[in-house]
Amino acid sequence: MRHYEIVILVHPDQSSQVPAMVERYQSMIKEKGGKVHRLEDWGRRQLAYSIDKVHKAHYLLMNIESDQGVISELENAFRYNDAVIRSLILKRDHAITQSSLIMQGAEKGKSSRKEKVDAEAEASEEA
């Protein structure tokens, strides 16, 4: 089996359907004996350029291990799903399980905001 990285851009109006889509795609992979090594939901982000007059999209990242048959099924599922506005499937040399740079940046941002709020609360208690 080979390792793949999949990025999916979902129409922002369909963001509520993302969990069901992820569940469906994961079940497709697991039914055929594949594995999902990493799944990240990056949320709604601004696109670099508009796609069909859409300026934002809901991003998903998956790292999987499967055979070519599953990849073909996923490509067809992406192609015929109107909610998916773009998809990219890359072949990788090995499984990637650590957080992506985008998620690491988001985690750092959350921790620095929490530290700032804690510092402000401490300063207001002293005053």
Protein backbone atom coordinates (compact mmCIF):
# COMPACT_ATOMS: atom_id res chain seq x y z
CA MET A 1 0.00 0.00 0.00
CA ARG A 2 1.07 3.55 -0.69
CA HIS A 3 0.86 6.72 1.34
CA TYR A 4 -1.13 9.71 0.10
CA GLU A 5 -1.85 13.26 1.24
CA ILE A 6 -5.27 14.62 0.31
CA VAL A 7 -6.40 18.25 0.53
CA ILE A 8 -10.08 18.99 -0.04
CA LEU A 9 -11.68 22.42 -0.45
CA VAL A 10 -15.38 22.41 0.40
CA HIS A 11 -17.82 25.15 -0.61
CA PRO A 12 -18.30 27.46 2.42
CA ASP A 13 -22.10 27.13 2.26
CA GLN A 14 -21.68 23.37 2.80
CA SER A 15 -19.48 23.65 5.92
CA SER A 16 -22.17 22.01 8.03
CA GLN A 17 -21.87 18.87 5.90
CA VAL A 18 -18.11 18.50 6.43
CA PRO A 19 -18.27 16.02 9.36
CA ALA A 20 -20.59 13.71 7.39
CA MET A 21 -18.33 13.96 4.33
CA VAL A 22 -15.25 13.12 6.41
CA GLU A 23 -17.03 10.12 7.94
CA ARG A 24 -18.07 8.89 4.48
CA TYR A 25 -14.55 9.22 3.05
CA GLN A 26 -12.97 7.56 6.10
CA SER A 27 -15.36 4.62 5.82
CA MET A 28 -14.52 4.27 2.11
CA ILE A 29 -10.83 4.07 3.00
CA LYS A 30 -11.22 1.69 5.95
CA GLU A 31 -13.60 -0.68 4.11
CA LYS A 32 -10.86 -1.42 1.58
CA GLY A 33 -8.21 -2.03 4.24
CA GLY A 34 -6.68 1.45 4.23
CA LYS A 35 -5.65 3.59 7.21
CA VAL A 36 -6.10 7.26 8.02
CA HIS A 37 -2.88 8.51 9.65
CA ARG A 38 -3.80 12.18 10.01
CA LEU A 39 -7.02 14.15 9.66
CA GLU A 40 -7.05 17.92 10.12
CA ASP A 41 -9.93 20.33 9.71
CA TRP A 42 -8.41 23.72 8.93
CA GLY A 43 -11.79 25.45 8.86
CA ARG A 44 -12.85 28.28 6.58
CA ARG A 45 -10.00 30.17 4.96
CA GLN A 46 -9.59 32.84 2.32
CA LEU A 47 -8.68 31.53 -1.13
CA ALA A 48 -5.72 33.03 -2.99
CA TYR A 49 -8.01 33.47 -6.01
CA SER A 50 -11.71 32.96 -6.51
CA ILE A 51 -13.02 29.62 -7.77
CA ASP A 52 -16.44 29.87 -9.45
CA LYS A 53 -16.96 33.26 -7.74
CA VAL A 54 -16.27 31.74 -4.32
CA HIS A 55 -13.67 33.56 -2.21
CA LYS A 56 -13.52 31.29 0.85
CA ALA A 57 -13.47 27.53 1.34
CA HIS A 58 -13.49 24.97 4.13
CA TYR A 59 -10.16 23.11 4.07
CA LEU A 60 -9.57 19.46 5.04
CA LEU A 61 -6.26 17.56 5.12
CA MET A 62 -5.96 13.78 5.25
CA ASN A 63 -2.91 11.53 5.20
CA ILE A 64 -3.87 7.99 4.33
CA GLU A 65 -2.38 4.63 3.44
CA SER A 66 -4.29 2.71 0.76
CA ASP A 67 -4.12 1.13 -2.67
CA GLN A 68 -4.86 2.75 -6.03
CA GLY A 69 -8.44 1.43 -6.15
CA VAL A 70 -9.44 3.48 -3.12
CA ILE A 71 -7.78 6.58 -4.57
CA SER A 72 -9.77 6.16 -7.78
CA GLU A 73 -12.99 5.86 -5.78
CA LEU A 74 -12.13 8.98 -3.78
CA GLU A 75 -11.34 10.95 -6.94
CA ASN A 76 -14.74 10.00 -8.37
CA ALA A 77 -16.46 10.90 -5.11
CA PHE A 78 -14.76 14.32 -5.10
CA ARG A 79 -15.53 14.91 -8.77
CA TYR A 80 -19.27 14.20 -8.45
CA ASN A 81 -19.80 15.92 -5.10
CA ASP A 82 -20.96 19.49 -5.76
CA ALA A 83 -19.78 20.62 -2.32
CA VAL A 84 -16.12 19.85 -3.18
CA ILE A 85 -14.77 22.76 -5.22
CA ARG A 86 -11.17 21.49 -5.42
CA SER A 87 -9.19 18.45 -4.35
CA LEU A 88 -5.54 17.48 -4.51
CA ILE A 89 -4.09 14.00 -4.01
CA LEU A 90 -0.32 13.66 -3.60
CA LYS A 91 1.71 10.48 -3.32
CA ARG A 92 4.04 10.46 -0.28
CA ASP A 93 7.07 8.32 0.56
CA HIS A 94 6.00 7.60 4.15
CA ALA A 95 3.13 8.16 6.58
CA ILE A 96 2.93 11.66 8.04
CA THR A 97 1.36 11.78 11.48
CA GLN A 98 2.64 15.00 13.10
CA SER A 99 0.57 18.19 12.97
CA SER A 100 0.89 20.39 9.92
CA LEU A 101 2.44 23.85 10.15
CA ILE A 102 -1.00 25.45 9.89
CA MET A 103 -2.28 23.50 12.91
CA GLN A 104 0.93 24.16 14.86
CA GLY A 105 0.50 27.88 14.21
CA ALA A 106 -3.11 27.74 15.35
CA GLU A 107 -2.12 25.92 18.56
CA LYS A 108 0.61 28.49 19.28
CA GLY A 109 -1.88 31.30 18.68
CA LYS A 110 -4.35 29.79 21.14
CA SER A 111 -1.68 29.31 23.81
CA SER A 112 -0.31 32.85 23.41
CA ARG A 113 -3.84 34.33 23.62
CA LYS A 114 -4.52 32.31 26.78
CA GLU A 115 -1.26 33.55 28.32
CA LYS A 116 -2.20 37.13 27.43
CA VAL A 117 -5.66 36.79 28.99
CA ASP A 118 -4.15 35.22 32.12
CA ALA A 119 -1.61 38.05 32.39
CA GLU A 120 -4.36 40.68 32.01
CA ALA A 121 -6.48 38.95 34.67
CA GLU A 122 -3.50 38.83 37.03
CA ALA A 123 -2.74 42.52 36.42
CA SER A 124 -6.36 43.53 37.09
CA GLU A 125 -6.35 41.56 40.37
CA GLU A 126 -3.23 43.41 41.54
CA ALA A 127 -4.77 46.81 40.81
